[in-house]
Protein backbone atom coordinates (compact mmCIF):
# COMPACT_ATOMS: atom_id res chain seq x y z
CA MET A 1 -1.81 23.40 3.52
CA SER A 2 -0.66 24.38 7.02
CA LEU A 3 0.12 21.29 9.11
CA ALA A 4 0.32 20.49 13.14
CA VAL A 5 1.16 17.07 14.15
CA TYR A 6 1.98 15.45 17.76
CA PRO A 7 4.68 13.41 18.07
CA MET A 8 4.55 10.23 19.89
CA VAL A 9 7.93 8.55 20.91
CA VAL A 10 7.31 5.37 21.41
CA PRO A 11 9.44 4.16 25.02
CA GLY A 12 13.07 3.11 23.98
CA VAL A 13 13.56 5.14 21.17
CA ALA A 14 16.89 6.87 20.93
CA GLU A 15 17.16 10.23 22.14
CA SER A 16 18.79 11.02 18.82
CA HIS A 17 15.89 9.11 16.59
CA ARG A 18 13.53 11.84 18.58
CA ALA A 19 16.01 14.77 18.37
CA GLN A 20 16.46 14.19 14.16
CA CYS A 21 12.63 13.56 13.76
CA LEU A 22 11.68 17.32 15.33
CA GLU A 23 14.27 18.61 13.19
CA SER A 24 13.19 17.21 10.13
CA LEU A 25 9.17 17.99 11.04
CA GLN A 26 10.56 21.81 11.80
CA GLN A 27 12.34 22.02 8.37
CA ALA A 28 9.06 20.44 6.44
CA GLY A 29 7.46 23.25 8.13
CA VAL A 30 5.46 21.65 9.90
CA SER A 31 4.14 22.07 13.58
CA VAL A 32 4.89 20.17 16.52
CA CYS A 33 2.38 19.92 19.54
CA THR A 34 2.54 19.62 22.37
CA GLN A 35 -0.37 17.41 23.20
CA PRO A 36 -2.84 15.92 21.21
CA PHE A 37 -6.31 17.25 20.01
CA PRO A 38 -9.34 16.01 18.83
CA LEU A 39 -8.77 14.32 15.18
CA SER A 40 -5.11 16.02 14.95
CA PRO A 41 -2.73 13.50 13.23
CA CYS A 42 -0.36 12.02 15.62
CA LEU A 43 3.44 10.75 14.22
CA VAL A 44 4.07 7.70 15.90
CA VAL A 45 7.80 7.52 16.05
CA ALA A 46 9.62 3.57 16.54
CA SER A 47 12.66 1.35 16.19
CA GLU A 48 13.75 -1.43 17.03
CA SER A 49 14.83 -0.79 20.52
CA CYS A 50 11.47 -0.08 21.59
CA SER A 51 10.70 -1.56 24.99
CA ASP A 52 7.31 -1.75 24.50
CA GLU A 53 4.39 -1.45 22.21
CA PRO A 54 1.62 0.90 23.81
CA ASP A 55 -1.38 1.96 21.98
CA VAL A 56 -0.63 3.51 19.33
CA ILE A 57 -3.69 6.34 18.69
CA PRO A 58 -3.39 8.80 22.03
CA PRO A 59 -7.01 9.26 23.31
CA GLY A 60 -9.34 12.08 21.08
CA VAL A 61 -6.29 11.69 18.19
CA GLY A 62 -7.51 10.99 14.16
CA LEU A 63 -5.49 9.41 11.63
CA ASN A 64 -1.45 8.48 12.55
CA CYS A 65 1.68 7.67 10.66
CA LEU A 66 4.55 5.44 12.01
CA LEU A 67 7.85 6.93 11.58
CA TRP A 68 9.86 3.92 11.86
CA PHE A 69 13.90 3.69 12.38
CA GLY A 70 15.62 1.00 10.50
CA ALA A 71 14.85 -2.03 8.34
CA PRO A 72 11.01 -3.48 8.48
CA THR A 73 11.45 -6.05 11.39
CA GLU A 74 8.26 -8.28 13.07
CA LYS A 75 7.91 -5.53 15.90
CA PHE A 76 7.25 -2.88 12.78
CA TRP A 77 4.44 -4.78 11.26
CA ARG A 78 2.77 -5.45 13.98
CA LEU A 79 2.78 -1.37 14.94
CA ALA A 80 2.29 -0.49 11.20
CA CYS A 81 -1.12 -2.62 11.13
CA ARG A 82 -2.19 -0.39 13.79
CA CYS A 83 -1.44 2.58 12.16
CA SER A 84 -2.91 4.42 9.05
CA LEU A 85 0.41 4.97 7.01
CA TRP A 86 3.94 4.18 7.67
CA LEU A 87 7.11 5.29 6.78
CA LEU A 88 10.64 3.87 6.75
CA TRP A 89 14.00 5.74 7.90
CA ASP A 90 17.14 4.36 6.85
CA GLU A 91 19.69 6.67 8.20
CA ARG A 92 22.61 5.90 5.70
CA GLN A 93 20.21 7.67 3.26
CA ALA A 94 19.30 11.79 3.77
CA SER A 95 16.21 13.20 5.92
CA PRO A 96 13.57 12.30 4.91
CA VAL A 97 11.69 16.13 4.74
CA HIS A 98 9.14 15.36 1.90
CA PRO A 99 7.75 11.86 1.79
CA LEU A 100 7.27 12.82 5.62
CA ARG A 101 5.37 15.90 5.18
CA GLU A 102 3.94 13.88 2.09
CA LYS A 103 2.52 11.67 4.34
CA LEU A 104 1.29 14.22 6.97
CA GLN A 105 -0.48 16.32 4.25
CA ALA A 106 -2.22 12.96 2.79
CA LEU A 107 -3.25 12.22 6.64
CA THR A 108 -4.94 15.40 7.46
CA SER A 109 -6.67 15.93 3.47
CA ALA A 110 -7.95 12.69 4.36
CA GLN A 111 -9.21 13.44 7.85
CA ALA A 112 -10.92 16.99 6.02
CA ASN A 113 -12.40 14.35 3.36
CA ILE A 114 -13.80 11.93 5.55
CA GLU A 115 -15.56 14.66 7.88
CA ARG A 116 -17.27 16.34 5.01
CA ALA A 117 -18.02 12.63 3.84
CA LEU A 118 -19.92 11.73 7.64
CA ASP A 119 -21.54 14.96 7.71
CA ALA A 120 -23.11 14.75 4.60
CA GLN A 121 -24.25 10.75 5.37
CA GLY A 122 -25.36 12.16 8.43
CA LEU A 123 -23.10 9.55 9.80
CA VAL A 124 -21.21 8.89 13.79
CA ALA A 125 -17.60 7.56 13.88
CA GLN A 126 -15.30 8.77 16.75
CA SER A 127 -13.64 5.68 17.76
CA ALA A 128 -9.65 5.01 16.45
CA SER A 129 -11.21 1.61 15.10
CA MET A 130 -13.75 3.51 13.28
CA ARG A 131 -11.27 6.32 12.32
CA GLN A 132 -8.87 3.53 10.74
CA VAL A 133 -11.49 1.76 8.70
CA LEU A 134 -12.73 5.15 7.55
CA PHE A 135 -8.85 5.62 6.19
CA HIS A 136 -8.80 2.68 4.55
CA LEU A 137 -11.98 2.51 2.99
CA TYR A 138 -10.99 6.37 1.68
CA THR A 139 -7.93 5.27 0.61
CA ALA A 140 -9.09 2.20 -1.19
CA ALA A 141 -12.03 4.41 -3.26
CA ARG A 142 -9.01 6.92 -4.41
CA ARG A 143 -7.11 4.81 -6.11
CA GLY A 144 -9.76 2.64 -7.31
CA VAL A 145 -9.74 -0.98 -5.52
CA ASP A 146 -12.55 -2.96 -4.70
CA VAL A 147 -12.89 -4.01 -1.06
CA LEU A 148 -14.29 -6.37 0.72
CA LEU A 149 -15.90 -5.56 4.03
CA GLN A 150 -16.37 -8.06 6.71
CA GLY A 151 -18.13 -7.81 10.34
CA GLU A 152 -20.91 -8.71 11.98
CA SER A 153 -24.62 -8.20 11.05
CA GLY A 154 -25.77 -4.10 11.87
CA THR A 155 -22.47 -2.99 12.13
CA GLY A 156 -22.64 -0.60 9.42
CA LYS A 157 -21.04 -2.30 6.20
CA GLU A 158 -24.11 -0.70 4.14
CA GLN A 159 -22.90 2.46 4.85
CA LEU A 160 -20.09 1.80 4.35
CA ALA A 161 -20.48 1.31 0.64
CA ARG A 162 -22.01 4.67 0.71
CA LEU A 163 -18.95 6.23 2.08
CA TYR A 164 -17.18 4.53 -0.41
CA HIS A 165 -18.97 5.39 -3.77
CA GLN A 166 -19.00 9.00 -2.01
CA PHE A 167 -14.98 9.30 -1.99
CA ARG A 168 -15.24 7.67 -5.56
CA ARG A 169 -16.26 10.50 -6.54
CA CYS A 170 -18.17 8.98 -9.66
CA ASP A 171 -20.90 9.99 -12.14
CA GLY A 172 -22.84 6.69 -11.38
CA ASP A 173 -24.68 5.61 -9.18
CA LEU A 174 -24.66 2.90 -6.39
CA ALA A 175 -26.41 0.14 -7.09
CA THR A 176 -26.54 -2.36 -4.78
CA LEU A 177 -28.23 -6.07 -4.42
CA ASP A 178 -28.48 -8.50 -1.78
CA CYS A 179 -27.52 -11.48 -1.91
CA THR A 180 -29.71 -13.27 0.48
CA THR A 181 -33.06 -12.51 -1.46
CA LEU A 182 -31.17 -14.16 -4.67
CA ASP A 183 -33.19 -17.37 -5.61
CA GLU A 184 -31.30 -19.73 -8.09
CA GLY A 185 -33.14 -19.44 -11.03
CA LEU A 186 -32.91 -15.65 -11.28
CA ALA A 187 -29.72 -14.62 -9.91
CA GLY A 188 -28.33 -14.31 -13.38
CA SER A 189 -31.47 -12.09 -14.44
CA GLU A 190 -30.87 -9.71 -11.12
CA LEU A 191 -27.02 -9.39 -12.00
CA PHE A 192 -26.30 -9.17 -15.83
CA GLY A 193 -29.89 -8.42 -17.36
CA HIS A 194 -31.70 -10.18 -19.34
CA GLU A 195 -32.98 -10.24 -23.01
CA ARG A 196 -37.07 -10.50 -23.80
CA GLY A 197 -37.90 -14.15 -24.16
CA ALA A 198 -35.06 -15.43 -22.35
CA PHE A 199 -37.28 -16.95 -19.63
CA THR A 200 -40.91 -17.70 -19.70
CA SER A 201 -41.97 -14.24 -17.63
CA ALA A 202 -39.03 -12.40 -19.66
CA HIS A 203 -41.84 -10.50 -21.64
CA ARG A 204 -39.49 -7.49 -22.03
CA SER A 205 -35.59 -7.23 -22.12
CA ARG A 206 -34.21 -5.01 -18.76
CA ASP A 207 -31.02 -4.00 -17.56
CA GLY A 208 -29.75 -5.70 -13.97
CA VAL A 209 -27.61 -4.05 -11.27
CA ILE A 210 -24.12 -5.09 -12.81
CA ALA A 211 -26.06 -2.28 -15.92
CA ASP A 212 -26.85 0.00 -13.20
CA ALA A 213 -23.52 0.10 -11.61
CA ASP A 214 -22.35 1.38 -14.58
CA ASN A 215 -19.33 4.54 -13.76
CA GLY A 216 -20.79 4.46 -10.07
CA THR A 217 -20.46 1.43 -7.89
CA LEU A 218 -21.87 -2.13 -7.28
CA PHE A 219 -22.56 -3.64 -3.87
CA LEU A 220 -22.93 -6.76 -3.28
CA ASP A 221 -24.28 -7.20 0.38
CA GLU A 222 -23.89 -11.04 1.76
CA ILE A 223 -21.94 -12.00 -0.96
CA GLY A 224 -21.19 -15.83 0.59
CA ASP A 225 -24.81 -16.19 -0.11
CA LEU A 226 -24.26 -15.77 -3.94
CA PRO A 227 -25.49 -18.96 -5.17
CA LEU A 228 -22.42 -21.17 -6.74
CA ALA A 229 -23.65 -21.58 -9.77
CA ILE A 230 -23.67 -18.09 -10.98
CA GLN A 231 -19.80 -17.20 -9.22
CA PRO A 232 -17.78 -18.18 -12.46
CA LYS A 233 -19.97 -15.54 -14.17
CA LEU A 234 -19.37 -12.73 -11.69
CA LEU A 235 -15.78 -13.78 -11.90
CA ARG A 236 -15.29 -13.23 -15.51
CA THR A 237 -17.74 -9.60 -15.36
CA ILE A 238 -15.06 -8.23 -11.99
CA GLN A 239 -12.11 -9.41 -14.14
CA GLU A 240 -12.95 -8.31 -17.58
CA ARG A 241 -15.93 -5.87 -16.65
CA GLN A 242 -18.11 -7.18 -19.34
CA TYR A 243 -21.21 -8.97 -19.33
CA ARG A 244 -23.86 -10.70 -21.27
CA ARG A 245 -27.43 -10.70 -20.49
CA VAL A 246 -29.41 -13.98 -19.72
CA GLY A 247 -30.35 -15.18 -23.30
CA GLY A 248 -28.34 -12.39 -25.19
CA ASN A 249 -25.43 -13.28 -27.29
CA GLN A 250 -23.74 -9.31 -26.63
CA TRP A 251 -20.93 -8.55 -24.94
CA MET A 252 -21.81 -5.17 -22.76
CA THR A 253 -19.78 -3.41 -21.00
CA SER A 254 -19.97 -1.51 -17.18
CA THR A 255 -16.98 0.22 -15.47
CA PHE A 256 -18.42 0.03 -11.79
CA GLY A 257 -16.39 -0.12 -8.35
CA LEU A 258 -16.83 -3.00 -6.12
CA VAL A 259 -17.82 -3.79 -2.94
CA CYS A 260 -18.88 -6.89 -1.11
CA ALA A 261 -19.92 -7.50 1.97
CA SER A 262 -20.34 -10.51 4.39
CA HIS A 263 -21.11 -10.87 7.78
CA VAL A 264 -19.21 -14.25 8.28
CA ALA A 265 -15.01 -14.98 6.91
CA LEU A 266 -15.84 -15.91 3.56
CA GLU A 267 -12.69 -18.56 3.73
CA SER A 268 -15.02 -20.72 6.02
CA ALA A 269 -17.44 -20.72 2.64
CA VAL A 270 -14.83 -21.70 0.62
CA ASP A 271 -13.62 -24.42 3.38
CA ALA A 272 -17.30 -25.80 2.92
CA GLY A 273 -16.96 -25.76 -0.72
CA ASN A 274 -19.76 -22.94 -0.92
CA PHE A 275 -17.71 -20.03 -2.42
CA ARG A 276 -15.37 -20.28 -5.31
CA LEU A 277 -11.49 -19.51 -4.16
CA ASP A 278 -11.00 -17.45 -7.56
CA LEU A 279 -13.80 -15.52 -6.81
CA TYR A 280 -12.95 -15.19 -3.13
CA HIS A 281 -9.25 -14.11 -4.15
CA ARG A 282 -10.67 -11.78 -6.43
CA ILE A 283 -12.80 -9.60 -4.11
CA ALA A 284 -10.69 -10.02 -1.17
CA ALA A 285 -7.29 -8.43 -2.37
CA CYS A 286 -8.78 -4.83 0.26
CA VAL A 287 -10.16 -6.82 3.18
CA ILE A 288 -11.45 -4.16 5.43
CA MET A 289 -13.14 -5.63 8.89
CA VAL A 290 -15.99 -3.73 10.68
CA PRO A 291 -15.45 -4.02 14.40
CA PRO A 292 -18.13 -4.72 16.77
CA LEU A 293 -19.76 -2.11 18.47
CA ARG A 294 -18.72 -3.72 21.96
CA GLU A 295 -15.28 -2.80 20.20
CA ARG A 296 -16.04 0.51 20.17
CA VAL A 297 -17.71 1.99 23.28
CA GLU A 298 -16.70 4.96 22.83
CA ASP A 299 -19.50 5.72 19.60
CA ILE A 300 -22.13 4.52 21.41
CA VAL A 301 -23.04 7.96 22.98
CA PRO A 302 -22.42 10.10 20.41
CA LEU A 303 -24.45 7.30 18.10
CA ALA A 304 -27.19 8.13 20.67
CA GLU A 305 -26.60 11.59 20.52
CA HIS A 306 -27.31 11.67 16.91
CA TYR A 307 -30.22 9.54 16.79
CA PHE A 308 -31.72 12.20 19.11
CA ALA A 309 -30.59 15.20 17.24
CA SER A 310 -32.03 14.00 14.15
CA ARG A 311 -35.60 13.52 15.71
CA CYS A 312 -35.99 16.44 18.48
CA GLY A 313 -33.05 19.00 17.39
CA ASP A 314 -29.81 19.33 18.36
CA GLY A 315 -30.26 20.85 21.92
CA VAL A 316 -31.21 17.32 23.31
CA SER A 317 -28.50 15.73 25.44
CA LEU A 318 -28.39 12.75 27.71
CA SER A 319 -28.47 12.03 31.07
CA GLY A 320 -26.04 10.62 33.11
CA PRO A 321 -28.21 7.14 33.92
CA LEU A 322 -29.35 6.60 30.42
CA ARG A 323 -25.72 7.54 29.29
CA GLN A 324 -24.77 4.41 31.84
CA TRP A 325 -27.99 2.35 30.99
CA LEU A 326 -26.64 2.53 27.11
CA CYS A 327 -23.03 1.90 27.76
CA GLN A 328 -23.41 -0.89 30.30
CA TYR A 329 -25.06 -3.61 27.39
CA HIS A 330 -22.69 -5.61 24.87
CA TYR A 331 -25.04 -4.74 21.12
CA PRO A 332 -24.87 -8.71 19.82
CA GLY A 333 -26.89 -6.60 17.14
CA ASN A 334 -24.34 -4.11 16.85
CA VAL A 335 -25.69 -0.71 16.02
CA ARG A 336 -28.87 -1.45 14.32
CA GLU A 337 -29.49 -3.35 17.85
CA LEU A 338 -28.70 0.42 19.49
CA TYR A 339 -31.56 2.01 17.51
CA GLN A 340 -33.63 -0.22 17.95
CA ARG A 341 -33.54 0.30 21.94
CA LEU A 342 -33.11 4.13 21.28
CA ARG A 343 -36.56 4.08 20.00
CA LEU A 344 -38.04 3.43 23.11
CA ILE A 345 -37.30 6.41 24.33
CA GLN A 346 -39.80 8.97 23.96
CA PRO A 347 -38.42 12.76 25.39
CA GLU A 348 -41.12 15.03 25.69
CA ALA A 349 -41.87 17.87 23.03
CA GLY A 350 -39.33 21.00 23.59
CA ALA A 351 -37.33 18.63 26.04
CA ALA A 352 -33.43 19.35 26.72
CA GLN A 353 -32.79 16.25 28.07
CA ALA A 354 -33.59 12.23 27.34
CA CYS A 355 -33.85 10.37 30.21
CA LEU A 356 -34.37 7.07 31.28
CA SER A 357 -38.50 8.10 32.74
CA ASP A 358 -39.31 9.18 28.49
CA MET A 359 -38.77 5.28 28.51
CA VAL A 360 -42.48 4.01 26.61
CA MET A 361 -42.08 0.58 28.29
CA PRO A 362 -39.85 -0.57 30.84
CA CYS A 363 -36.31 -2.47 28.94
CA SER A 364 -33.67 -4.11 31.09
CA ILE A 365 -30.36 -4.40 29.47
CA PRO A 366 -28.36 -7.53 30.82
CA GLU A 367 -25.02 -5.73 32.18
CA ARG A 368 -21.95 -5.99 29.66
CA SER A 369 -20.18 -9.99 29.49
CA ALA A 370 -16.92 -10.21 29.94
CA THR A 371 -16.41 -11.27 25.95
CA GLY A 372 -17.29 -7.44 25.29
CA ASP A 373 -14.46 -6.21 26.57
CA ASN A 374 -11.77 -8.67 24.88
CA TRP A 375 -9.17 -5.81 23.87
CA ILE A 376 -7.20 -6.98 26.58
CA HIS A 377 -6.53 -10.45 25.48
CA GLN A 378 -5.80 -8.90 21.67
CA SER A 379 -3.61 -6.46 23.27
CA VAL A 380 -1.61 -9.46 25.38
CA SER A 381 -2.00 -11.30 21.90
CA ALA A 382 -0.02 -8.86 20.21
CA GLY A 383 2.27 -8.92 22.63
CA LEU A 384 1.76 -5.39 24.85
CA GLY A 385 3.10 -4.97 28.17
CA LEU A 386 1.15 -4.64 31.14
CA ASP A 387 2.25 -0.67 31.99
CA ALA A 388 0.78 -0.28 28.26
CA ILE A 389 -2.49 -1.68 28.91
CA LYS A 390 -3.16 0.23 32.15
CA GLU A 391 -2.68 3.49 30.89
CA ARG A 392 -5.21 2.30 28.19
CA ALA A 393 -7.45 0.72 31.13
CA THR A 394 -7.02 4.17 32.75
CA ARG A 395 -7.61 6.37 29.72
CA GLU A 396 -11.20 4.37 29.21
CA ALA A 397 -11.97 4.24 32.52
CA LYS A 398 -11.46 8.34 32.39
CA ALA A 399 -13.27 8.76 29.46
CA SER A 400 -16.15 6.06 30.56
CA ALA A 401 -16.73 8.44 33.81
CA LEU A 402 -16.80 11.53 32.07
CA ARG A 403 -19.21 10.53 29.62
CA LEU A 404 -21.57 8.85 32.10
CA CYS A 405 -21.55 12.24 34.62
CA ASP A 406 -22.20 14.40 31.99
CA ASP A 407 -18.39 15.68 31.14
CA SER A 408 -18.32 17.03 35.28
CA CYS A 409 -14.88 16.60 36.72
CA LYS A 410 -16.55 16.34 40.24
CA GLN A 411 -19.14 13.51 39.84
CA ALA A 412 -16.51 11.40 37.31
CA ALA A 413 -14.16 12.22 40.47
CA GLN A 414 -16.29 10.84 43.13
CA LEU A 415 -16.96 7.72 41.22
CA LEU A 416 -13.37 6.91 40.41
CA GLY A 417 -11.88 7.67 43.49
CA VAL A 418 -9.38 9.73 42.86
CA SER A 419 -9.22 13.80 42.83
CA GLU A 420 -11.01 16.30 40.52
CA ARG A 421 -7.54 17.20 39.49
CA THR A 422 -6.65 14.23 37.85
CA LEU A 423 -9.82 14.74 35.75
CA GLN A 424 -9.18 18.39 35.23
CA LEU A 425 -6.00 17.50 33.19
CA TYR A 426 -7.16 14.56 31.95
CA LYS A 427 -9.83 16.84 29.81
CA SER A 428 -6.87 19.32 29.53
CA GLU A 429 -4.62 16.90 27.82
CA LEU A 430 -7.71 16.04 24.92
CA SER A 431 -8.14 19.64 24.17
CA GLY A 432 -4.59 20.13 24.07
């Protein structure tokens, strides 16, 4: 496999460590890029001597691996949480050429498989935060680990469940159960099925979703709404992959991957006595937090472009004012609300561009609230320095200006009050 990587050396790392890293990459047959290019793997080189902890994912790159010199410390874990994979380098041992190559191969392979799955499902995820979500989802699915998706309503948890099922490459189907629709008296029948005569209206035997998920994937949406009385039986089924139909005595087997989803933190439901602690511990071994759309603003325009491409053809672009109109809102309803607003835009047949003037009826969007830009608060809380925060803000301002100006460096430069050359250099860095 041909490998190419962009080594990002965190400020403060010893020059000797940088040299050792480059030498190991060369020995492993890995090409070193001088600039990050779109969706390329990034190798973050760091150690305890780091003077700062910048945003570890440069703009436009894909997945990333942390190469850490020395023993793991608190600073290491803070960085590792923002990377896809990590590798410890104990300088008393031999150079980790082979483990390093294996990690980078895993990133490259995962990136290719994720891209194919996104294309097959017709999904869009370009932001760094969603790329991390997809990598962790892919890794869990390929290793047979059950997953709990937590995120606000409308963030796409059901689509992620479909991706998990596709990543597993299993023979069975994806069986979905929306727990908000369950009646307490019939919840057991929906989950486990029932035998004929089990209750008044049971005129024939019927399988439940657990049987439907055999050799496939079971998706329990909004599991926090599952009736408390049925939770012990579900726990046993998840642990043993065995169940009995309502009114039946025979134990049946179902082999399935499990994805649960909730729009609220299940810990609060446990504290309130509405969710069993033992069931929570069983399903929360791998928790993936799905970020809201306001925290991945760079996905808004690509999502809108994909929406119009699916309805009007690939040749339809978004006008600058329409981009600005879409990006100034914080979308409490997330992707679902974005698509709802896009339905108001109806370009003429054969139009090359979607514009604000194509709106069926006027609809104002409140300006983005300050809470929508809470990445600054998160960065400060994570211990990032002011220089790193300024660097990220500058990158995001350049990216936003280019989106609003249809990728015109001249217009974006005028909007930001900088030279056109500044925007040209930024674009060249992204393209490599």
